[in-house]
Amino acid sequence: MKKMHLLWTTGEKEVAMKVVFPYLVNAKANGWWDEINLIIWGPSAKLAAYDKDIQRQLQDVLDSGITVEACKACTDAYKVSEIMLSLGITVRYMGGPFTEYLQSPDHVVTF
């Protein structure tokens, strides 16, 4: 099984709109990966919580069947945990899970 975790950390909207989301949507639509997981970590959490364009893209990602999770330490630091939950994003501490992803045969891509 080909599984990919995309770690999105940048708070730059252009990177999200021109690279992260197009890749995710195309990867899912074209079956490039059997499973795809988007991880929101750091400044991307703040961008996702407050930018309506980003929220629309996140909804498309969720609707396509891609899992989305956000680092609770990050969302708490930016005071956006409740917003992320309201968007349908799983919020949890990611240190342990991310380490497991890195140690597994899964692929991890970062932006």
N, C-alpha and C. Protein backbone atom coordinates (compact mmCIF):
# COMPACT_ATOMS: atom_id res chain seq x y z
N MET A 1 0.85 -1.18 0.00
CA MET A 1 0.00 0.00 0.00
C MET A 1 0.89 1.24 0.00
N LYS A 2 0.56 2.18 -0.88
CA LYS A 2 1.31 3.43 -0.97
C LYS A 2 0.58 4.51 -0.16
N LYS A 3 1.21 4.92 0.94
CA LYS A 3 0.59 5.93 1.80
C LYS A 3 1.52 7.13 1.92
N MET A 4 0.93 8.33 1.80
CA MET A 4 1.71 9.56 1.87
C MET A 4 1.12 10.50 2.92
N HIS A 5 2.01 11.05 3.73
CA HIS A 5 1.66 12.07 4.70
C HIS A 5 2.28 13.37 4.20
N LEU A 6 1.46 14.38 3.98
CA LEU A 6 1.97 15.67 3.55
C LEU A 6 1.96 16.60 4.75
N LEU A 7 3.14 17.01 5.18
CA LEU A 7 3.30 17.91 6.32
C LEU A 7 3.32 19.33 5.80
N TRP A 8 2.28 20.09 6.14
CA TRP A 8 2.14 21.47 5.68
C TRP A 8 2.44 22.39 6.86
N THR A 9 3.54 23.14 6.77
CA THR A 9 3.95 23.98 7.89
C THR A 9 3.95 25.47 7.57
N THR A 10 4.06 25.82 6.31
CA THR A 10 4.22 27.22 5.96
C THR A 10 2.92 28.01 6.13
N GLY A 11 3.06 29.24 6.55
CA GLY A 11 1.92 30.14 6.65
C GLY A 11 1.73 30.96 5.39
N GLU A 12 2.44 30.62 4.33
CA GLU A 12 2.34 31.36 3.07
C GLU A 12 1.16 30.84 2.26
N LYS A 13 0.21 31.71 2.03
CA LYS A 13 -1.00 31.33 1.30
C LYS A 13 -0.69 30.85 -0.12
N GLU A 14 0.22 31.53 -0.79
CA GLU A 14 0.53 31.17 -2.17
C GLU A 14 1.05 29.73 -2.28
N VAL A 15 1.86 29.31 -1.33
CA VAL A 15 2.37 27.94 -1.34
C VAL A 15 1.20 26.95 -1.19
N ALA A 16 0.29 27.27 -0.29
CA ALA A 16 -0.87 26.39 -0.08
C ALA A 16 -1.73 26.31 -1.33
N MET A 17 -2.04 27.46 -1.91
CA MET A 17 -2.97 27.52 -3.03
C MET A 17 -2.37 27.03 -4.35
N LYS A 18 -1.07 27.21 -4.53
CA LYS A 18 -0.44 26.86 -5.81
C LYS A 18 0.31 25.53 -5.79
N VAL A 19 0.59 25.00 -4.57
CA VAL A 19 1.38 23.77 -4.50
C VAL A 19 0.67 22.70 -3.66
N VAL A 20 0.41 23.00 -2.40
CA VAL A 20 -0.11 21.99 -1.48
C VAL A 20 -1.46 21.44 -1.94
N PHE A 21 -2.46 22.30 -2.09
CA PHE A 21 -3.80 21.82 -2.42
C PHE A 21 -3.90 21.24 -3.83
N PRO A 22 -3.30 21.88 -4.85
CA PRO A 22 -3.36 21.24 -6.17
C PRO A 22 -2.72 19.84 -6.18
N TYR A 23 -1.59 19.70 -5.49
CA TYR A 23 -0.97 18.38 -5.46
C TYR A 23 -1.88 17.36 -4.77
N LEU A 24 -2.44 17.73 -3.63
CA LEU A 24 -3.31 16.80 -2.91
C LEU A 24 -4.50 16.37 -3.76
N VAL A 25 -5.17 17.32 -4.35
CA VAL A 25 -6.37 17.02 -5.13
C VAL A 25 -6.02 16.15 -6.35
N ASN A 26 -4.93 16.48 -7.03
CA ASN A 26 -4.53 15.69 -8.19
C ASN A 26 -4.04 14.31 -7.80
N ALA A 27 -3.32 14.22 -6.70
CA ALA A 27 -2.82 12.92 -6.24
C ALA A 27 -3.99 11.99 -5.92
N LYS A 28 -5.01 12.53 -5.30
CA LYS A 28 -6.19 11.72 -4.97
C LYS A 28 -6.97 11.35 -6.23
N ALA A 29 -7.22 12.34 -7.08
CA ALA A 29 -8.02 12.11 -8.29
C ALA A 29 -7.35 11.12 -9.24
N ASN A 30 -6.03 11.13 -9.29
CA ASN A 30 -5.30 10.27 -10.21
C ASN A 30 -4.82 8.96 -9.59
N GLY A 31 -5.12 8.75 -8.31
CA GLY A 31 -4.75 7.50 -7.66
C GLY A 31 -3.26 7.30 -7.48
N TRP A 32 -2.53 8.40 -7.35
CA TRP A 32 -1.08 8.29 -7.19
C TRP A 32 -0.70 7.65 -5.86
N TRP A 33 -1.56 7.76 -4.88
CA TRP A 33 -1.36 7.17 -3.55
C TRP A 33 -2.63 6.43 -3.16
N ASP A 34 -2.47 5.34 -2.42
CA ASP A 34 -3.63 4.61 -1.92
C ASP A 34 -4.30 5.38 -0.78
N GLU A 35 -3.49 6.00 0.06
CA GLU A 35 -4.00 6.80 1.17
C GLU A 35 -3.18 8.08 1.27
N ILE A 36 -3.88 9.17 1.57
CA ILE A 36 -3.23 10.47 1.72
C ILE A 36 -3.69 11.09 3.02
N ASN A 37 -2.73 11.65 3.75
CA ASN A 37 -3.00 12.32 5.02
C ASN A 37 -2.32 13.68 5.01
N LEU A 38 -3.08 14.73 5.24
CA LEU A 38 -2.54 16.08 5.36
C LEU A 38 -2.37 16.41 6.83
N ILE A 39 -1.17 16.87 7.19
CA ILE A 39 -0.88 17.27 8.57
C ILE A 39 -0.65 18.78 8.59
N ILE A 40 -1.46 19.47 9.36
CA ILE A 40 -1.34 20.92 9.52
C ILE A 40 -0.53 21.17 10.79
N TRP A 41 0.61 21.85 10.63
CA TRP A 41 1.54 22.00 11.75
C TRP A 41 2.16 23.40 11.68
N GLY A 42 2.19 24.10 12.78
CA GLY A 42 2.84 25.41 12.82
C GLY A 42 1.98 26.50 12.21
N PRO A 43 2.62 27.46 11.51
CA PRO A 43 1.91 28.62 10.97
C PRO A 43 0.76 28.28 10.02
N SER A 44 0.80 27.11 9.40
CA SER A 44 -0.31 26.74 8.51
C SER A 44 -1.62 26.63 9.28
N ALA A 45 -1.55 26.33 10.57
CA ALA A 45 -2.77 26.23 11.39
C ALA A 45 -3.46 27.59 11.49
N LYS A 46 -2.69 28.62 11.68
CA LYS A 46 -3.26 29.97 11.78
C LYS A 46 -3.86 30.39 10.44
N LEU A 47 -3.15 30.11 9.35
CA LEU A 47 -3.65 30.43 8.02
C LEU A 47 -4.96 29.70 7.75
N ALA A 48 -5.00 28.42 8.06
CA ALA A 48 -6.20 27.62 7.82
C ALA A 48 -7.39 28.09 8.64
N ALA A 49 -7.12 28.55 9.83
CA ALA A 49 -8.20 28.97 10.73
C ALA A 49 -8.86 30.27 10.30
N TYR A 50 -8.12 31.15 9.64
CA TYR A 50 -8.64 32.48 9.38
C TYR A 50 -8.84 32.85 7.91
N ASP A 51 -8.35 32.04 6.99
CA ASP A 51 -8.45 32.39 5.58
C ASP A 51 -9.57 31.57 4.92
N LYS A 52 -10.57 32.24 4.40
CA LYS A 52 -11.72 31.57 3.79
C LYS A 52 -11.36 30.80 2.52
N ASP A 53 -10.43 31.30 1.72
CA ASP A 53 -9.99 30.57 0.53
C ASP A 53 -9.35 29.24 0.93
N ILE A 54 -8.52 29.28 1.93
CA ILE A 54 -7.86 28.07 2.43
C ILE A 54 -8.91 27.11 2.98
N GLN A 55 -9.88 27.63 3.70
CA GLN A 55 -10.93 26.77 4.26
C GLN A 55 -11.72 26.07 3.15
N ARG A 56 -11.99 26.76 2.06
CA ARG A 56 -12.69 26.13 0.93
C ARG A 56 -11.84 25.00 0.35
N GLN A 57 -10.55 25.23 0.22
CA GLN A 57 -9.66 24.20 -0.29
C GLN A 57 -9.60 23.00 0.67
N LEU A 58 -9.54 23.29 1.95
CA LEU A 58 -9.54 22.21 2.95
C LEU A 58 -10.81 21.38 2.86
N GLN A 59 -11.93 22.03 2.64
CA GLN A 59 -13.19 21.30 2.52
C GLN A 59 -13.16 20.37 1.30
N ASP A 60 -12.60 20.86 0.19
CA ASP A 60 -12.46 20.02 -1.00
C ASP A 60 -11.57 18.81 -0.71
N VAL A 61 -10.50 19.04 0.04
CA VAL A 61 -9.58 17.95 0.41
C VAL A 61 -10.32 16.93 1.27
N LEU A 62 -11.03 17.40 2.27
CA LEU A 62 -11.79 16.49 3.14
C LEU A 62 -12.86 15.74 2.34
N ASP A 63 -13.56 16.45 1.46
CA ASP A 63 -14.62 15.82 0.66
C ASP A 63 -14.07 14.74 -0.27
N SER A 64 -12.81 14.86 -0.64
CA SER A 64 -12.20 13.88 -1.55
C SER A 64 -11.79 12.60 -0.83
N GLY A 65 -11.85 12.61 0.50
CA GLY A 65 -11.48 11.42 1.25
C GLY A 65 -10.08 11.45 1.83
N ILE A 66 -9.39 12.55 1.65
CA ILE A 66 -8.07 12.72 2.27
C ILE A 66 -8.27 13.03 3.75
N THR A 67 -7.51 12.36 4.60
CA THR A 67 -7.60 12.67 6.03
C THR A 67 -6.79 13.93 6.33
N VAL A 68 -7.28 14.70 7.29
CA VAL A 68 -6.61 15.94 7.68
C VAL A 68 -6.53 15.97 9.18
N GLU A 69 -5.31 16.18 9.68
CA GLU A 69 -5.12 16.31 11.12
C GLU A 69 -4.22 17.50 11.39
N ALA A 70 -4.41 18.10 12.56
CA ALA A 70 -3.63 19.27 12.94
C ALA A 70 -2.99 19.03 14.30
N CYS A 71 -1.81 19.60 14.46
CA CYS A 71 -1.06 19.50 15.71
C CYS A 71 -1.76 20.32 16.80
N LYS A 72 -2.16 19.65 17.87
CA LYS A 72 -2.87 20.33 18.95
C LYS A 72 -2.00 21.37 19.65
N ALA A 73 -0.72 21.08 19.84
CA ALA A 73 0.17 22.07 20.46
C ALA A 73 0.20 23.35 19.64
N CYS A 74 0.21 23.19 18.31
CA CYS A 74 0.22 24.36 17.43
C CYS A 74 -1.11 25.09 17.44
N THR A 75 -2.20 24.35 17.33
CA THR A 75 -3.50 25.01 17.29
C THR A 75 -3.81 25.67 18.63
N ASP A 76 -3.36 25.07 19.72
CA ASP A 76 -3.52 25.71 21.03
C ASP A 76 -2.69 26.99 21.11
N ALA A 77 -1.46 26.94 20.60
CA ALA A 77 -0.59 28.12 20.65
C ALA A 77 -1.18 29.29 19.87
N TYR A 78 -1.83 28.98 18.76
CA TYR A 78 -2.46 30.03 17.95
C TYR A 78 -3.91 30.30 18.36
N LYS A 79 -4.37 29.55 19.38
CA LYS A 79 -5.73 29.70 19.88
C LYS A 79 -6.78 29.46 18.79
N VAL A 80 -6.56 28.39 17.99
CA VAL A 80 -7.47 28.08 16.90
C VAL A 80 -7.97 26.63 16.93
N SER A 81 -7.78 25.94 18.05
CA SER A 81 -8.19 24.53 18.12
C SER A 81 -9.67 24.36 17.82
N GLU A 82 -10.51 25.18 18.41
CA GLU A 82 -11.95 25.05 18.20
C GLU A 82 -12.33 25.34 16.74
N ILE A 83 -11.66 26.30 16.14
CA ILE A 83 -11.94 26.59 14.73
C ILE A 83 -11.59 25.38 13.88
N MET A 84 -10.43 24.80 14.13
CA MET A 84 -10.01 23.64 13.35
C MET A 84 -11.00 22.48 13.50
N LEU A 85 -11.44 22.24 14.72
CA LEU A 85 -12.42 21.18 14.95
C LEU A 85 -13.71 21.46 14.20
N SER A 86 -14.13 22.74 14.19
CA SER A 86 -15.37 23.10 13.50
C SER A 86 -15.26 22.91 11.99
N LEU A 87 -14.04 22.89 11.47
CA LEU A 87 -13.82 22.66 10.04
C LEU A 87 -13.79 21.17 9.70
N GLY A 88 -13.89 20.32 10.72
CA GLY A 88 -13.88 18.88 10.49
C GLY A 88 -12.49 18.27 10.51
N ILE A 89 -11.54 18.99 11.04
CA ILE A 89 -10.16 18.54 11.10
C ILE A 89 -9.90 17.88 12.44
N THR A 90 -9.22 16.75 12.42
CA THR A 90 -8.83 16.06 13.64
C THR A 90 -7.70 16.85 14.29
N VAL A 91 -7.85 17.17 15.55
CA VAL A 91 -6.82 17.92 16.27
C VAL A 91 -6.27 17.02 17.36
N ARG A 92 -4.95 16.77 17.31
CA ARG A 92 -4.31 15.94 18.33
C ARG A 92 -2.83 16.27 18.39
N TYR A 93 -2.22 15.88 19.50
CA TYR A 93 -0.78 16.08 19.62
C TYR A 93 -0.10 15.19 18.59
N MET A 94 0.82 15.74 17.83
CA MET A 94 1.36 15.05 16.65
C MET A 94 2.78 14.54 16.80
N GLY A 95 3.48 14.87 17.88
CA GLY A 95 4.87 14.43 18.01
C GLY A 95 5.03 12.93 17.86
N GLY A 96 4.27 12.17 18.63
CA GLY A 96 4.34 10.71 18.56
C GLY A 96 3.87 10.16 17.23
N PRO A 97 2.66 10.55 16.75
CA PRO A 97 2.19 10.04 15.46
C PRO A 97 3.13 10.40 14.30
N PHE A 98 3.65 11.62 14.30
CA PHE A 98 4.54 12.02 13.21
C PHE A 98 5.82 11.19 13.23
N THR A 99 6.33 10.92 14.42
CA THR A 99 7.52 10.06 14.53
C THR A 99 7.22 8.67 13.97
N GLU A 100 6.04 8.15 14.27
CA GLU A 100 5.64 6.84 13.72
C GLU A 100 5.58 6.89 12.20
N TYR A 101 5.05 7.98 11.64
CA TYR A 101 4.99 8.11 10.19
C TYR A 101 6.40 8.07 9.59
N LEU A 102 7.32 8.80 10.23
CA LEU A 102 8.69 8.85 9.73
C LEU A 102 9.38 7.50 9.80
N GLN A 103 9.06 6.73 10.83
CA GLN A 103 9.70 5.43 11.02
C GLN A 103 9.03 4.31 10.23
N SER A 104 7.91 4.59 9.62
CA SER A 104 7.17 3.59 8.87
C SER A 104 7.63 3.58 7.41
N PRO A 105 7.14 2.63 6.63
CA PRO A 105 7.44 2.64 5.19
C PRO A 105 6.68 3.72 4.42
N ASP A 106 5.76 4.43 5.09
CA ASP A 106 5.00 5.49 4.43
C ASP A 106 5.95 6.59 3.95
N HIS A 107 5.46 7.38 3.02
CA HIS A 107 6.24 8.51 2.51
C HIS A 107 5.77 9.78 3.20
N VAL A 108 6.73 10.65 3.54
CA VAL A 108 6.42 11.93 4.16
C VAL A 108 6.99 13.03 3.27
N VAL A 109 6.13 13.98 2.91
CA VAL A 109 6.50 15.12 2.08
C VAL A 109 6.24 16.37 2.90
N THR A 110 7.11 17.36 2.81
CA THR A 110 6.92 18.57 3.62
C THR A 110 6.83 19.81 2.73
N PHE A 111 5.98 20.73 3.16
CA PHE A 111 5.85 22.05 2.53
C PHE A 111 5.79 23.09 3.63
